[in-house]
Amino acid sequence: MSKIVLASPIEEIVAFFAGGPSRDAIASFRLSKDAQEYISTLLDKSRSGTLTSDEDRELDRVMALNEVISLIQARARAANAHPLTPSTPANLPGA
């Protein structure tokens, strides 16, 4: 019997970012175990050719969001590793 996911992975992502997370939270963001299992199920169905058209669209959206989130996380990690300081030109008036 398959598990029921209360929120779709996309809804989970939206809820996370809507909460105004810190850079640290963004850098360490992971979908819930249930959402990860659901995506694994979609990937398995994709490999076996048994995805419905709705599932195929959802998987495409989730994979695209995954790429965007990975880029956002990389920037958050970089910003945490090299935070701007008051002497950084980008923080100076007129910069």
PDB file of N, CA and C in Angstrom:
ATOM      1  N   MET A   1       0.854  -1.187   0.000  1.00  0.00           N
ATOM      2  CA  MET A   1       0.000   0.000   0.000  1.00  0.00           C
ATOM      3  C   MET A   1       0.890   1.236   0.000  1.00  0.00           C
ATOM      4  N   SER A   2       0.623   2.195  -0.875  1.00  0.00           N
ATOM      5  CA  SER A   2       1.470   3.385  -0.961  1.00  0.00           C
ATOM      6  C   SER A   2       1.078   4.422   0.085  1.00  0.00           C
ATOM      7  N   LYS A   3       2.082   5.239   0.453  1.00  0.00           N
ATOM      8  CA  LYS A   3       1.845   6.300   1.426  1.00  0.00           C
ATOM      9  C   LYS A   3       1.161   7.474   0.748  1.00  0.00           C
ATOM     10  N   ILE A   4       0.382   8.196   1.517  1.00  0.00           N
ATOM     11  CA  ILE A   4      -0.264   9.401   1.023  1.00  0.00           C
ATOM     12  C   ILE A   4       0.590  10.593   1.438  1.00  0.00           C
ATOM     13  N   VAL A   5       0.949  11.415   0.471  1.00  0.00           N
ATOM     14  CA  VAL A   5       1.714  12.618   0.760  1.00  0.00           C
ATOM     15  C   VAL A   5       0.704  13.735   0.979  1.00  0.00           C
ATOM     16  N   LEU A   6       0.761  14.377   2.154  1.00  0.00           N
ATOM     17  CA  LEU A   6      -0.216  15.406   2.481  1.00  0.00           C
ATOM     18  C   LEU A   6      -0.042  16.656   1.631  1.00  0.00           C
ATOM     19  N   ALA A   7       1.196  17.019   1.344  1.00  0.00           N
ATOM     20  CA  ALA A   7       1.462  18.175   0.499  1.00  0.00           C
ATOM     21  C   ALA A   7       2.378  17.714  -0.627  1.00  0.00           C
ATOM     22  N   SER A   8       2.149  18.233  -1.814  1.00  0.00           N
ATOM     23  CA  SER A   8       3.012  17.856  -2.917  1.00  0.00           C
ATOM     24  C   SER A   8       4.399  18.437  -2.671  1.00  0.00           C
ATOM     25  N   PRO A   9       5.414  17.858  -3.295  1.00  0.00           N
ATOM     26  CA  PRO A   9       6.746  18.420  -3.143  1.00  0.00           C
ATOM     27  C   PRO A   9       6.793  19.905  -3.518  1.00  0.00           C
ATOM     28  N   ILE A  10       6.048  20.288  -4.533  1.00  0.00           N
ATOM     29  CA  ILE A  10       6.030  21.694  -4.957  1.00  0.00           C
ATOM     30  C   ILE A  10       5.422  22.565  -3.867  1.00  0.00           C
ATOM     31  N   GLU A  11       4.323  22.123  -3.268  1.00  0.00           N
ATOM     32  CA  GLU A  11       3.701  22.880  -2.175  1.00  0.00           C
ATOM     33  C   GLU A  11       4.648  22.989  -0.982  1.00  0.00           C
ATOM     34  N   GLU A  12       5.397  21.932  -0.735  1.00  0.00           N
ATOM     35  CA  GLU A  12       6.364  21.933   0.359  1.00  0.00           C
ATOM     36  C   GLU A  12       7.455  22.989   0.110  1.00  0.00           C
ATOM     37  N   ILE A  13       7.929  23.069  -1.121  1.00  0.00           N
ATOM     38  CA  ILE A  13       8.949  24.054  -1.494  1.00  0.00           C
ATOM     39  C   ILE A  13       8.398  25.468  -1.350  1.00  0.00           C
ATOM     40  N   VAL A  14       7.204  25.692  -1.855  1.00  0.00           N
ATOM     41  CA  VAL A  14       6.580  27.014  -1.768  1.00  0.00           C
ATOM     42  C   VAL A  14       6.410  27.424  -0.304  1.00  0.00           C
ATOM     43  N   ALA A  15       5.910  26.509   0.514  1.00  0.00           N
ATOM     44  CA  ALA A  15       5.708  26.822   1.929  1.00  0.00           C
ATOM     45  C   ALA A  15       7.031  27.167   2.617  1.00  0.00           C
ATOM     46  N   PHE A  16       8.088  26.454   2.273  1.00  0.00           N
ATOM     47  CA  PHE A  16       9.393  26.726   2.867  1.00  0.00           C
ATOM     48  C   PHE A  16       9.860  28.139   2.515  1.00  0.00           C
ATOM     49  N   PHE A  17       9.855  28.483   1.239  1.00  0.00           N
ATOM     50  CA  PHE A  17      10.353  29.801   0.829  1.00  0.00           C
ATOM     51  C   PHE A  17       9.414  30.929   1.249  1.00  0.00           C
ATOM     52  N   ALA A  18       8.130  30.656   1.335  1.00  0.00           N
ATOM     53  CA  ALA A  18       7.178  31.680   1.779  1.00  0.00           C
ATOM     54  C   ALA A  18       7.400  32.054   3.240  1.00  0.00           C
ATOM     55  N   GLY A  19       8.016  31.162   3.987  1.00  0.00           N
ATOM     56  CA  GLY A  19       8.293  31.421   5.392  1.00  0.00           C
ATOM     57  C   GLY A  19       9.480  32.345   5.621  1.00  0.00           C
ATOM     58  N   GLY A  20      10.143  32.804   4.544  1.00  0.00           N
ATOM     59  CA  GLY A  20      11.281  33.704   4.690  1.00  0.00           C
ATOM     60  C   GLY A  20      12.456  33.067   5.414  1.00  0.00           C
ATOM     61  N   PRO A  21      12.937  31.938   4.909  1.00  0.00           N
ATOM     62  CA  PRO A  21      14.011  31.224   5.602  1.00  0.00           C
ATOM     63  C   PRO A  21      15.337  31.986   5.591  1.00  0.00           C
ATOM     64  N   SER A  22      16.179  31.699   6.574  1.00  0.00           N
ATOM     65  CA  SER A  22      17.523  32.276   6.627  1.00  0.00           C
ATOM     66  C   SER A  22      18.405  31.616   5.567  1.00  0.00           C
ATOM     67  N   ARG A  23      19.579  32.218   5.330  1.00  0.00           N
ATOM     68  CA  ARG A  23      20.527  31.593   4.392  1.00  0.00           C
ATOM     69  C   ARG A  23      20.916  30.198   4.854  1.00  0.00           C
ATOM     70  N   ASP A  24      21.130  30.042   6.158  1.00  0.00           N
ATOM     71  CA  ASP A  24      21.497  28.720   6.677  1.00  0.00           C
ATOM     72  C   ASP A  24      20.391  27.700   6.404  1.00  0.00           C
ATOM     73  N   ALA A  25      19.151  28.108   6.621  1.00  0.00           N
ATOM     74  CA  ALA A  25      18.021  27.198   6.372  1.00  0.00           C
ATOM     75  C   ALA A  25      17.919  26.864   4.890  1.00  0.00           C
ATOM     76  N   ILE A  26      18.136  27.850   4.035  1.00  0.00           N
ATOM     77  CA  ILE A  26      18.104  27.600   2.586  1.00  0.00           C
ATOM     78  C   ILE A  26      19.204  26.633   2.201  1.00  0.00           C
ATOM     79  N   ALA A  27      20.404  26.875   2.714  1.00  0.00           N
ATOM     80  CA  ALA A  27      21.548  26.033   2.371  1.00  0.00           C
ATOM     81  C   ALA A  27      21.336  24.575   2.766  1.00  0.00           C
ATOM     82  N   SER A  28      20.583  24.351   3.827  1.00  0.00           N
ATOM     83  CA  SER A  28      20.392  22.976   4.299  1.00  0.00           C
ATOM     84  C   SER A  28      19.006  22.413   3.982  1.00  0.00           C
ATOM     85  N   PHE A  29      18.211  23.121   3.203  1.00  0.00           N
ATOM     86  CA  PHE A  29      16.843  22.679   2.888  1.00  0.00           C
ATOM     87  C   PHE A  29      16.830  21.312   2.216  1.00  0.00           C
ATOM     88  N   ARG A  30      15.952  20.468   2.689  1.00  0.00           N
ATOM     89  CA  ARG A  30      15.682  19.161   2.083  1.00  0.00           C
ATOM     90  C   ARG A  30      14.177  18.928   2.160  1.00  0.00           C
ATOM     91  N   LEU A  31      13.663  18.286   1.136  1.00  0.00           N
ATOM     92  CA  LEU A  31      12.259  17.895   1.179  1.00  0.00           C
ATOM     93  C   LEU A  31      12.065  16.846   2.266  1.00  0.00           C
ATOM     94  N   SER A  32      10.833  16.746   2.731  1.00  0.00           N
ATOM     95  CA  SER A  32      10.520  15.731   3.728  1.00  0.00           C
ATOM     96  C   SER A  32      10.786  14.338   3.147  1.00  0.00           C
ATOM     97  N   LYS A  33      10.937  13.382   4.042  1.00  0.00           N
ATOM     98  CA  LYS A  33      11.171  12.005   3.610  1.00  0.00           C
ATOM     99  C   LYS A  33      10.015  11.512   2.736  1.00  0.00           C
ATOM    100  N   ASP A  34       8.782  11.848   3.106  1.00  0.00           N
ATOM    101  CA  ASP A  34       7.621  11.439   2.308  1.00  0.00           C
ATOM    102  C   ASP A  34       7.688  12.016   0.901  1.00  0.00           C
ATOM    103  N   ALA A  35       8.064  13.301   0.787  1.00  0.00           N
ATOM    104  CA  ALA A  35       8.157  13.931  -0.533  1.00  0.00           C
ATOM    105  C   ALA A  35       9.277  13.291  -1.355  1.00  0.00           C
ATOM    106  N   GLN A  36      10.403  12.994  -0.702  1.00  0.00           N
ATOM    107  CA  GLN A  36      11.507  12.345  -1.405  1.00  0.00           C
ATOM    108  C   GLN A  36      11.100  10.958  -1.906  1.00  0.00           C
ATOM    109  N   GLU A  37      10.367  10.228  -1.081  1.00  0.00           N
ATOM    110  CA  GLU A  37       9.894   8.899  -1.489  1.00  0.00           C
ATOM    111  C   GLU A  37       8.908   9.000  -2.648  1.00  0.00           C
ATOM    112  N   TYR A  38       8.054  10.025  -2.610  1.00  0.00           N
ATOM    113  CA  TYR A  38       7.091  10.231  -3.691  1.00  0.00           C
ATOM    114  C   TYR A  38       7.825  10.511  -5.003  1.00  0.00           C
ATOM    115  N   ILE A  39       8.845  11.366  -4.943  1.00  0.00           N
ATOM    116  CA  ILE A  39       9.627  11.674  -6.144  1.00  0.00           C
ATOM    117  C   ILE A  39      10.343  10.422  -6.643  1.00  0.00           C
ATOM    118  N   SER A  40      10.875   9.620  -5.731  1.00  0.00           N
ATOM    119  CA  SER A  40      11.521   8.357  -6.118  1.00  0.00           C
ATOM    120  C   SER A  40      10.530   7.445  -6.835  1.00  0.00           C
ATOM    121  N   THR A  41       9.299   7.423  -6.336  1.00  0.00           N
ATOM    122  CA  THR A  41       8.260   6.621  -6.983  1.00  0.00           C
ATOM    123  C   THR A  41       7.986   7.124  -8.397  1.00  0.00           C
ATOM    124  N   LEU A  42       7.908   8.452  -8.540  1.00  0.00           N
ATOM    125  CA  LEU A  42       7.693   9.024  -9.877  1.00  0.00           C
ATOM    126  C   LEU A  42       8.859   8.676 -10.805  1.00  0.00           C
ATOM    127  N   LEU A  43      10.081   8.762 -10.297  1.00  0.00           N
ATOM    128  CA  LEU A  43      11.252   8.422 -11.115  1.00  0.00           C
ATOM    129  C   LEU A  43      11.226   6.953 -11.523  1.00  0.00           C
ATOM    130  N   ASP A  44      10.850   6.074 -10.597  1.00  0.00           N
ATOM    131  CA  ASP A  44      10.733   4.651 -10.918  1.00  0.00           C
ATOM    132  C   ASP A  44       9.679   4.425 -12.009  1.00  0.00           C
ATOM    133  N   LYS A  45       8.544   5.091 -11.858  1.00  0.00           N
ATOM    134  CA  LYS A  45       7.475   4.955 -12.858  1.00  0.00           C
ATOM    135  C   LYS A  45       7.923   5.515 -14.198  1.00  0.00           C
ATOM    136  N   SER A  46       8.706   6.581 -14.167  1.00  0.00           N
ATOM    137  CA  SER A  46       9.221   7.157 -15.411  1.00  0.00           C
ATOM    138  C   SER A  46      10.141   6.164 -16.119  1.00  0.00           C
ATOM    139  N   ARG A  47      11.026   5.536 -15.346  1.00  0.00           N
ATOM    140  CA  ARG A  47      11.954   4.548 -15.931  1.00  0.00           C
ATOM    141  C   ARG A  47      11.205   3.345 -16.515  1.00  0.00           C
ATOM    142  N   SER A  48      10.107   2.987 -15.875  1.00  0.00           N
ATOM    143  CA  SER A  48       9.349   1.825 -16.358  1.00  0.00           C
ATOM    144  C   SER A  48       8.293   2.202 -17.397  1.00  0.00           C
ATOM    145  N   GLY A  49       8.153   3.504 -17.669  1.00  0.00           N
ATOM    146  CA  GLY A  49       7.199   3.949 -18.679  1.00  0.00           C
ATOM    147  C   GLY A  49       5.752   3.916 -18.234  1.00  0.00           C
ATOM    148  N   THR A  50       5.505   4.002 -16.921  1.00  0.00           N
ATOM    149  CA  THR A  50       4.137   3.901 -16.420  1.00  0.00           C
ATOM    150  C   THR A  50       3.610   5.197 -15.802  1.00  0.00           C
ATOM    151  N   LEU A  51       4.285   6.322 -16.052  1.00  0.00           N
ATOM    152  CA  LEU A  51       3.802   7.605 -15.534  1.00  0.00           C
ATOM    153  C   LEU A  51       2.532   8.034 -16.252  1.00  0.00           C
ATOM    154  N   THR A  52       1.603   8.594 -15.512  1.00  0.00           N
ATOM    155  CA  THR A  52       0.450   9.228 -16.159  1.00  0.00           C
ATOM    156  C   THR A  52       0.919  10.584 -16.690  1.00  0.00           C
ATOM    157  N   SER A  53       0.125  11.226 -17.519  1.00  0.00           N
ATOM    158  CA  SER A  53       0.519  12.533 -18.053  1.00  0.00           C
ATOM    159  C   SER A  53       0.615  13.579 -16.940  1.00  0.00           C
ATOM    160  N   ASP A  54      -0.269  13.502 -15.946  1.00  0.00           N
ATOM    161  CA  ASP A  54      -0.193  14.429 -14.808  1.00  0.00           C
ATOM    162  C   ASP A  54       1.082  14.200 -13.996  1.00  0.00           C
ATOM    163  N   GLU A  55       1.416  12.952 -13.760  1.00  0.00           N
ATOM    164  CA  GLU A  55       2.637  12.642 -13.018  1.00  0.00           C
ATOM    165  C   GLU A  55       3.877  13.094 -13.787  1.00  0.00           C
ATOM    166  N   ASP A  56       3.844  12.938 -15.096  1.00  0.00           N
ATOM    167  CA  ASP A  56       4.966  13.363 -15.930  1.00  0.00           C
ATOM    168  C   ASP A  56       5.171  14.870 -15.830  1.00  0.00           C
ATOM    169  N   ARG A  57       4.087  15.623 -15.885  1.00  0.00           N
ATOM    170  CA  ARG A  57       4.179  17.083 -15.742  1.00  0.00           C
ATOM    171  C   ARG A  57       4.691  17.469 -14.356  1.00  0.00           C
ATOM    172  N   GLU A  58       4.185  16.783 -13.332  1.00  0.00           N
ATOM    173  CA  GLU A  58       4.638  17.084 -11.975  1.00  0.00           C
ATOM    174  C   GLU A  58       6.126  16.770 -11.810  1.00  0.00           C
ATOM    175  N   LEU A  59       6.562  15.641 -12.342  1.00  0.00           N
ATOM    176  CA  LEU A  59       7.972  15.283 -12.253  1.00  0.00           C
ATOM    177  C   LEU A  59       8.833  16.313 -12.978  1.00  0.00           C
ATOM    178  N   ASP A  60       8.399  16.753 -14.144  1.00  0.00           N
ATOM    179  CA  ASP A  60       9.139  17.796 -14.873  1.00  0.00           C
ATOM    180  C   ASP A  60       9.264  19.068 -14.041  1.00  0.00           C
ATOM    181  N   ARG A  61       8.165  19.491 -13.405  1.00  0.00           N
ATOM    182  CA  ARG A  61       8.191  20.710 -12.579  1.00  0.00           C
ATOM    183  C   ARG A  61       9.103  20.541 -11.366  1.00  0.00           C
ATOM    184  N   VAL A  62       9.020  19.381 -10.723  1.00  0.00           N
ATOM    185  CA  VAL A  62       9.857  19.127  -9.554  1.00  0.00           C
ATOM    186  C   VAL A  62      11.333  19.116  -9.947  1.00  0.00           C
ATOM    187  N   MET A  63      11.660  18.509 -11.061  1.00  0.00           N
ATOM    188  CA  MET A  63      13.056  18.453 -11.494  1.00  0.00           C
ATOM    189  C   MET A  63      13.574  19.858 -11.846  1.00  0.00           C
ATOM    190  N   ALA A  64      12.731  20.670 -12.471  1.00  0.00           N
ATOM    191  CA  ALA A  64      13.137  22.049 -12.783  1.00  0.00           C
ATOM    192  C   ALA A  64      13.344  22.850 -11.500  1.00  0.00           C
ATOM    193  N   LEU A  65      12.434  22.698 -10.546  1.00  0.00           N
ATOM    194  CA  LEU A  65      12.588  23.382  -9.261  1.00  0.00           C
ATOM    195  C   LEU A  65      13.830  22.904  -8.528  1.00  0.00           C
ATOM    196  N   ASN A  66      14.143  21.636  -8.631  1.00  0.00           N
ATOM    197  CA  ASN A  66      15.339  21.110  -7.991  1.00  0.00           C
ATOM    198  C   ASN A  66      16.590  21.822  -8.508  1.00  0.00           C
ATOM    199  N   GLU A  67      16.636  22.060  -9.817  1.00  0.00           N
ATOM    200  CA  GLU A  67      17.782  22.769 -10.393  1.00  0.00           C
ATOM    201  C   GLU A  67      17.876  24.195  -9.854  1.00  0.00           C
ATOM    202  N   VAL A  68      16.739  24.881  -9.785  1.00  0.00           N
ATOM    203  CA  VAL A  68      16.717  26.254  -9.274  1.00  0.00           C
ATOM    204  C   VAL A  68      17.118  26.279  -7.796  1.00  0.00           C
ATOM    205  N   ILE A  69      16.578  25.367  -7.020  1.00  0.00           N
ATOM    206  CA  ILE A  69      16.902  25.322  -5.590  1.00  0.00           C
ATOM    207  C   ILE A  69      18.388  25.034  -5.391  1.00  0.00           C
ATOM    208  N   SER A  70      18.953  24.158  -6.201  1.00  0.00           N
ATOM    209  CA  SER A  70      20.384  23.879  -6.088  1.00  0.00           C
ATOM    210  C   SER A  70      21.211  25.142  -6.318  1.00  0.00           C
ATOM    211  N   LEU A  71      20.821  25.955  -7.284  1.00  0.00           N
ATOM    212  CA  LEU A  71      21.524  27.216  -7.546  1.00  0.00           C
ATOM    213  C   LEU A  71      21.354  28.191  -6.383  1.00  0.00           C
ATOM    214  N   ILE A  72      20.143  28.283  -5.859  1.00  0.00           N
ATOM    215  CA  ILE A  72      19.883  29.167  -4.717  1.00  0.00           C
ATOM    216  C   ILE A  72      20.703  28.705  -3.517  1.00  0.00           C
ATOM    217  N   GLN A  73      20.753  27.404  -3.287  1.00  0.00           N
ATOM    218  CA  GLN A  73      21.518  26.882  -2.161  1.00  0.00           C
ATOM    219  C   GLN A  73      23.014  27.168  -2.327  1.00  0.00           C
ATOM    220  N   ALA A  74      23.518  27.048  -3.538  1.00  0.00           N
ATOM    221  CA  ALA A  74      24.934  27.347  -3.785  1.00  0.00           C
ATOM    222  C   ALA A  74      25.233  28.807  -3.467  1.00  0.00           C
ATOM    223  N   ARG A  75      24.344  29.693  -3.872  1.00  0.00           N
ATOM    224  CA  ARG A  75      24.537  31.117  -3.564  1.00  0.00           C
ATOM    225  C   ARG A  75      24.439  31.383  -2.073  1.00  0.00           C
ATOM    226  N   ALA A  76      23.515  30.722  -1.393  1.00  0.00           N
ATOM    227  CA  ALA A  76      23.375  30.902   0.056  1.00  0.00           C
ATOM    228  C   ALA A  76      24.632  30.425   0.769  1.00  0.00           C
ATOM    229  N   ARG A  77      25.172  29.286   0.335  1.00  0.00           N
ATOM    230  CA  ARG A  77      26.402  28.768   0.952  1.00  0.00           C
ATOM    231  C   ARG A  77      27.567  29.719   0.693  1.00  0.00           C
ATOM    232  N   ALA A  78      27.659  30.240  -0.525  1.00  0.00           N
ATOM    233  CA  ALA A  78      28.740  31.177  -0.856  1.00  0.00           C
ATOM    234  C   ALA A  78      28.614  32.454  -0.028  1.00  0.00           C
ATOM    235  N   ALA A  79      27.396  32.947   0.121  1.00  0.00           N
ATOM    236  CA  ALA A  79      27.177  34.159   0.913  1.00  0.00           C
ATOM    237  C   ALA A  79      27.525  33.915   2.374  1.00  0.00           C
ATOM    238  N   ASN A  80      27.243  32.728   2.876  1.00  0.00           N
ATOM    239  CA  ASN A  80      27.593  32.403   4.259  1.00  0.00           C
ATOM    240  C   ASN A  80      29.108  32.280   4.434  1.00  0.00           C
ATOM    241  N   ALA A  81      29.773  31.766   3.403  1.00  0.00           N
ATOM    242  CA  ALA A  81      31.221  31.585   3.481  1.00  0.00           C
ATOM    243  C   ALA A  81      31.975  32.909   3.322  1.00  0.00           C
ATOM    244  N   HIS A  82      31.391  33.827   2.556  1.00  0.00           N
ATOM    245  CA  HIS A  82      32.040  35.113   2.273  1.00  0.00           C
ATOM    246  C   HIS A  82      31.037  36.245   2.442  1.00  0.00           C
ATOM    247  N   PRO A  83      30.577  36.478   3.674  1.00  0.00           N
ATOM    248  CA  PRO A  83      29.575  37.540   3.872  1.00  0.00           C
ATOM    249  C   PRO A  83      30.160  38.919   3.566  1.00  0.00           C
ATOM    250  N   LEU A  84      29.292  39.798   3.130  1.00  0.00           N
ATOM    251  CA  LEU A  84      29.717  41.169   2.880  1.00  0.00           C
ATOM    252  C   LEU A  84      30.072  41.826   4.202  1.00  0.00           C
ATOM    253  N   THR A  85      31.088  42.613   4.198  1.00  0.00           N
ATOM    254  CA  THR A  85      31.489  43.359   5.391  1.00  0.00           C
ATOM    255  C   THR A  85      31.328  44.822   5.088  1.00  0.00           C
ATOM    256  N   PRO A  86      31.323  45.701   6.109  1.00  0.00           N
ATOM    257  CA  PRO A  86      31.153  47.120   5.858  1.00  0.00           C
ATOM    258  C   PRO A  86      32.193  47.717   4.911  1.00  0.00           C
ATOM    259  N   SER A  87      33.346  47.080   4.790  1.00  0.00           N
ATOM    260  CA  SER A  87      34.380  47.620   3.910  1.00  0.00           C
ATOM    261  C   SER A  87      34.262  47.104   2.482  1.00  0.00           C
ATOM    262  N   THR A  88      33.323  46.220   2.227  1.00  0.00           N
ATOM    263  CA  THR A  88      33.129  45.694   0.882  1.00  0.00           C
ATOM    264  C   THR A  88      32.480  46.784   0.027  1.00  0.00           C
ATOM    265  N   PRO A  89      33.043  47.077  -1.152  1.00  0.00           N
ATOM    266  CA  PRO A  89      32.496  48.159  -1.987  1.00  0.00           C
ATOM    267  C   PRO A  89      31.000  48.076  -2.240  1.00  0.00           C
ATOM    268  N   ALA A  90      30.442  46.875  -2.327  1.00  0.00           N
ATOM    269  CA  ALA A  90      29.011  46.739  -2.588  1.00  0.00           C
ATOM    270  C   ALA A  90      28.167  47.316  -1.463  1.00  0.00           C
ATOM    271  N   ASN A  91      28.737  47.467  -0.289  1.00  0.00           N
ATOM    272  CA  ASN A  91      27.996  48.025   0.851  1.00  0.00           C
ATOM    273  C   ASN A  91      28.172  49.527   0.991  1.00  0.00           C
ATOM    274  N   LEU A  92      29.054  50.116   0.224  1.00  0.00           N
ATOM    275  CA  LEU A  92      29.314  51.545   0.346  1.00  0.00           C
ATOM    276  C   LEU A  92      28.280  52.345  -0.405  1.00  0.00           C
ATOM    277  N   PRO A  93      27.896  53.514   0.100  1.00  0.00           N
ATOM    278  CA  PRO A  93      26.921  54.343  -0.611  1.00  0.00           C
ATOM    279  C   PRO A  93      27.409  54.637  -2.032  1.00  0.00           C
ATOM    280  N   GLY A  94      26.496  54.602  -2.958  1.00  0.00           N
ATOM    281  CA  GLY A  94      26.810  54.903  -4.349  1.00  0.00           C
ATOM    282  C   GLY A  94      27.435  53.746  -5.097  1.00  0.00           C
ATOM    283  N   ALA A  95      27.631  52.611  -4.456  1.00  0.00           N
ATOM    284  CA  ALA A  95      28.252  51.468  -5.116  1.00  0.00           C
ATOM    285  C   ALA A  95      27.222  50.685  -5.880  1.00  0.00           C
TER     286      ALA A  95
END
